[in-house]
Amino acid sequence: MSVIYLRVTIDGSRTEVSTHRYCNPMEWNSKAGKFTGRTEEAKALNAYLDTLKFRVNDIYRLMIADGIDITCENFRKKFLGLDQEKPRMLIEIFEYHNKQIFELVGRGYSEGTYKRFKVCIKSLEEFLEWKFKEKDISIKRLNFEFINDYEFYLKTVRNCAHNTVMGYIKKIKKIVRQCVAKDWLAKDPFVAYKMSFNETQEPF
């Protein structure tokens, strides 16, 4: 029995990846790239190989869409999942931001501002536990629904006033805008979200 390899050729260069499947060389059709047997095992093997071909085409299409150079090395990394970066997490980014604010207290930021950001991140942590049963979340999962659900949580579970809620969301919006500016997010989830503050009158 011999191992079946997937071979991809790009501009004269080629790369091979094991399919972790085996076959008898005498029953292999090299021209068709398929197993010649008629058993259920043969049919299952050929179906799996067809799936791999579809996957190769999908990876090729995604590499073009993402502007990635079409090379054997880049394809191999995509196929094996070696190009995946560590996800950037919302709370982790927020905590780093708060650390910077703390170090700037008295030099552009007040202690009150720092404390308000700490309260905001605390509410966000509690929301993630309430909504997702998680302690942190990838920024890639932020969307319009996430913001709406966070607003709902603040107004119902935490019983916050409208302007207080908008203050929390404004702080998260700042963090998200920084992520967009750093190209960590392709789209700003706040684009369709409209913030509004109720007018308040100070007692005479």
Protein backbone atom coordinates (compact mmCIF):
# COMPACT_ATOMS: atom_id res chain seq x y z
CA MET A 1 0.00 0.00 0.00
CA SER A 2 1.23 3.50 -0.85
CA VAL A 3 0.37 6.92 0.57
CA ILE A 4 -1.71 9.21 -1.66
CA TYR A 5 -0.27 12.71 -1.94
CA LEU A 6 -1.98 15.94 -3.00
CA ARG A 7 0.27 17.81 -5.44
CA VAL A 8 -0.22 21.47 -6.34
CA THR A 9 1.86 23.16 -9.05
CA ILE A 10 2.10 26.97 -9.23
CA ASP A 11 4.26 28.75 -11.82
CA GLY A 12 6.48 25.70 -12.27
CA SER A 13 6.95 25.15 -8.52
CA ARG A 14 5.13 22.39 -6.72
CA THR A 15 4.28 21.30 -3.21
CA GLU A 16 2.97 17.99 -1.93
CA VAL A 17 0.80 17.28 1.10
CA SER A 18 -0.09 13.85 2.42
CA THR A 19 -3.81 13.01 2.28
CA HIS A 20 -3.30 10.38 5.02
CA ARG A 21 -5.02 7.88 2.75
CA TYR A 22 -3.55 4.71 1.20
CA CYS A 23 -4.18 2.60 -1.88
CA ASN A 24 -2.75 -0.28 -3.89
CA PRO A 25 -0.66 1.24 -6.73
CA MET A 26 -2.03 -1.44 -9.07
CA GLU A 27 -5.55 -0.07 -8.54
CA TRP A 28 -4.67 3.60 -8.95
CA ASN A 29 -5.52 5.58 -12.11
CA SER A 30 -2.77 8.21 -12.24
CA LYS A 31 -4.37 10.03 -15.20
CA ALA A 32 -7.73 10.48 -13.47
CA GLY A 33 -6.18 10.81 -10.04
CA LYS A 34 -8.63 8.28 -8.63
CA PHE A 35 -8.95 4.79 -7.27
CA THR A 36 -10.19 2.30 -9.88
CA GLY A 37 -11.90 -0.09 -7.50
CA ARG A 38 -15.69 -0.42 -7.33
CA THR A 39 -16.03 -1.29 -3.66
CA GLU A 40 -17.68 1.00 -1.10
CA GLU A 41 -14.22 1.70 0.30
CA ALA A 42 -13.04 2.84 -3.13
CA LYS A 43 -16.07 5.08 -3.59
CA ALA A 44 -15.51 6.64 -0.16
CA LEU A 45 -11.85 7.27 -0.97
CA ASN A 46 -12.66 8.91 -4.32
CA ALA A 47 -15.33 11.08 -2.66
CA TYR A 48 -12.75 12.23 -0.10
CA LEU A 49 -10.27 13.08 -2.86
CA ASP A 50 -12.97 15.08 -4.66
CA THR A 51 -13.55 17.02 -1.43
CA LEU A 52 -9.85 17.85 -1.27
CA LYS A 53 -9.99 19.16 -4.85
CA PHE A 54 -12.90 21.45 -3.93
CA ARG A 55 -10.95 22.64 -0.91
CA VAL A 56 -7.93 23.47 -3.07
CA ASN A 57 -10.14 25.59 -5.34
CA ASP A 58 -11.70 27.36 -2.33
CA ILE A 59 -8.28 28.17 -0.87
CA TYR A 60 -7.14 29.50 -4.24
CA ARG A 61 -10.24 31.70 -4.50
CA LEU A 62 -9.83 33.04 -0.94
CA MET A 63 -6.14 33.80 -1.48
CA ILE A 64 -7.06 35.91 -4.52
CA ALA A 65 -9.86 37.67 -2.61
CA ASP A 66 -7.53 38.44 0.34
CA GLY A 67 -4.72 39.67 -1.91
CA ILE A 68 -2.32 36.91 -0.81
CA ASP A 69 0.52 36.01 -3.18
CA ILE A 70 -0.28 32.73 -4.92
CA THR A 71 2.82 30.70 -4.11
CA CYS A 72 3.34 27.08 -3.12
CA GLU A 73 4.55 28.10 0.33
CA ASN A 74 1.52 30.32 1.01
CA PHE A 75 -0.84 27.67 -0.30
CA ARG A 76 0.73 25.00 1.90
CA LYS A 77 0.36 27.22 4.98
CA LYS A 78 -3.30 27.88 4.15
CA PHE A 79 -4.04 24.23 3.50
CA LEU A 80 -2.40 23.05 6.74
CA GLY A 81 -3.76 25.96 8.80
CA LEU A 82 -0.26 27.23 9.61
CA ASP A 83 -1.13 30.82 8.66
CA GLN A 84 -3.64 31.32 11.44
CA GLU A 85 -2.75 34.11 13.83
CA LYS A 86 -3.59 34.16 17.51
CA PRO A 87 -7.03 35.80 17.78
CA ARG A 88 -7.06 39.30 19.24
CA MET A 89 -9.34 39.33 22.27
CA LEU A 90 -11.60 42.23 23.30
CA ILE A 91 -10.98 42.20 27.07
CA GLU A 92 -7.24 41.75 26.57
CA ILE A 93 -7.13 44.82 24.27
CA PHE A 94 -9.36 46.78 26.67
CA GLU A 95 -7.09 45.98 29.64
CA TYR A 96 -4.02 47.16 27.72
CA HIS A 97 -5.86 50.38 26.88
CA ASN A 98 -6.77 50.91 30.55
CA LYS A 99 -3.16 50.31 31.58
CA GLN A 100 -2.09 53.11 29.23
CA ILE A 101 -4.80 55.42 30.62
CA PHE A 102 -3.59 54.71 34.17
CA GLU A 103 -0.03 55.66 33.24
CA LEU A 104 -1.33 58.91 31.71
CA VAL A 105 -3.34 60.00 34.78
CA GLY A 106 -2.32 63.59 35.46
CA ARG A 107 -0.83 63.88 31.98
CA GLY A 108 -3.94 64.30 29.87
CA TYR A 109 -6.33 61.99 31.72
CA SER A 110 -7.96 62.29 35.13
CA GLU A 111 -8.24 59.55 37.72
CA GLY A 112 -12.01 59.73 37.27
CA THR A 113 -11.67 58.87 33.57
CA TYR A 114 -9.52 55.87 34.43
CA LYS A 115 -12.07 54.64 37.00
CA ARG A 116 -14.92 54.97 34.49
CA PHE A 117 -13.03 52.81 31.99
CA LYS A 118 -12.45 50.23 34.75
CA VAL A 119 -16.18 50.16 35.53
CA CYS A 120 -16.91 49.79 31.81
CA ILE A 121 -14.62 46.79 31.37
CA LYS A 122 -16.16 45.18 34.45
CA SER A 123 -19.65 45.49 32.92
CA LEU A 124 -18.33 44.05 29.65
CA GLU A 125 -16.83 41.03 31.42
CA GLU A 126 -20.14 40.39 33.18
CA PHE A 127 -22.00 40.73 29.87
CA LEU A 128 -19.74 38.15 28.19
CA GLU A 129 -20.40 35.72 31.03
CA TRP A 130 -24.15 36.40 30.85
CA LYS A 131 -24.43 36.17 27.05
CA PHE A 132 -21.72 33.70 25.98
CA LYS A 133 -20.54 32.02 29.20
CA GLU A 134 -17.05 33.19 28.24
CA LYS A 135 -14.44 35.39 29.90
CA ASP A 136 -13.23 37.00 26.67
CA ILE A 137 -14.18 37.11 23.00
CA SER A 138 -12.36 37.59 19.70
CA ILE A 139 -12.85 41.05 18.20
CA LYS A 140 -13.80 39.26 14.96
CA ARG A 141 -17.10 38.33 16.63
CA LEU A 142 -18.08 41.94 17.27
CA ASN A 143 -21.06 43.02 15.20
CA PHE A 144 -24.23 45.10 15.35
CA GLU A 145 -26.07 42.35 17.25
CA PHE A 146 -23.32 42.27 19.91
CA ILE A 147 -23.69 46.01 20.55
CA ASN A 148 -27.50 45.80 20.71
CA ASP A 149 -27.35 42.88 23.13
CA TYR A 150 -24.85 44.73 25.33
CA GLU A 151 -27.16 47.76 25.42
CA PHE A 152 -30.10 45.50 26.34
CA TYR A 153 -28.05 43.86 29.11
CA LEU A 154 -27.04 47.18 30.63
CA LYS A 155 -30.60 48.52 30.63
CA THR A 156 -32.32 45.38 31.94
CA VAL A 157 -29.92 43.23 33.97
CA ARG A 158 -27.83 46.09 35.36
CA ASN A 159 -30.71 48.59 35.32
CA CYS A 160 -28.53 51.42 34.01
CA ALA A 161 -29.97 54.75 32.86
CA HIS A 162 -29.90 55.50 29.13
CA ASN A 163 -27.09 58.07 29.25
CA THR A 164 -24.99 55.77 31.44
CA VAL A 165 -25.44 53.01 28.87
CA MET A 166 -24.39 55.33 26.06
CA GLY A 167 -21.32 56.28 28.08
CA TYR A 168 -20.28 52.62 28.36
CA ILE A 169 -20.89 51.98 24.67
CA LYS A 170 -18.96 55.12 23.73
CA LYS A 171 -15.92 53.75 25.54
CA ILE A 172 -16.17 50.40 23.75
CA LYS A 173 -16.57 52.27 20.47
CA LYS A 174 -13.23 53.96 21.13
CA ILE A 175 -11.53 50.58 21.58
CA VAL A 176 -13.16 49.18 18.42
CA ARG A 177 -12.17 52.22 16.36
CA GLN A 178 -8.56 51.68 17.43
CA CYS A 179 -8.81 48.06 16.23
CA VAL A 180 -10.12 49.23 12.86
CA ALA A 181 -7.33 51.84 12.59
CA LYS A 182 -4.74 49.10 13.24
CA ASP A 183 -6.32 46.91 10.51
CA TRP A 184 -7.29 44.27 13.09
CA LEU A 185 -10.90 44.63 11.95
CA ALA A 186 -11.96 44.91 8.32
CA LYS A 187 -15.29 46.52 9.20
CA ASP A 188 -16.43 48.83 11.98
CA PRO A 189 -19.39 47.12 13.76
CA PHE A 190 -20.56 50.57 14.92
CA VAL A 191 -21.27 51.80 11.37
CA ALA A 192 -25.01 51.07 11.58
CA TYR A 193 -25.35 51.74 15.32
CA LYS A 194 -26.74 55.14 16.30
CA MET A 195 -25.82 56.59 19.67
CA SER A 196 -28.05 59.14 21.38
CA PHE A 197 -27.98 60.96 24.70
CA ASN A 198 -31.06 62.28 26.50
CA GLU A 199 -30.97 65.93 27.45
CA THR A 200 -30.70 66.50 31.17
CA GLN A 201 -31.48 69.65 33.10
CA GLU A 202 -29.40 70.64 36.07
CA PRO A 203 -31.50 71.78 39.10
CA PHE A 204 -31.57 75.60 39.37
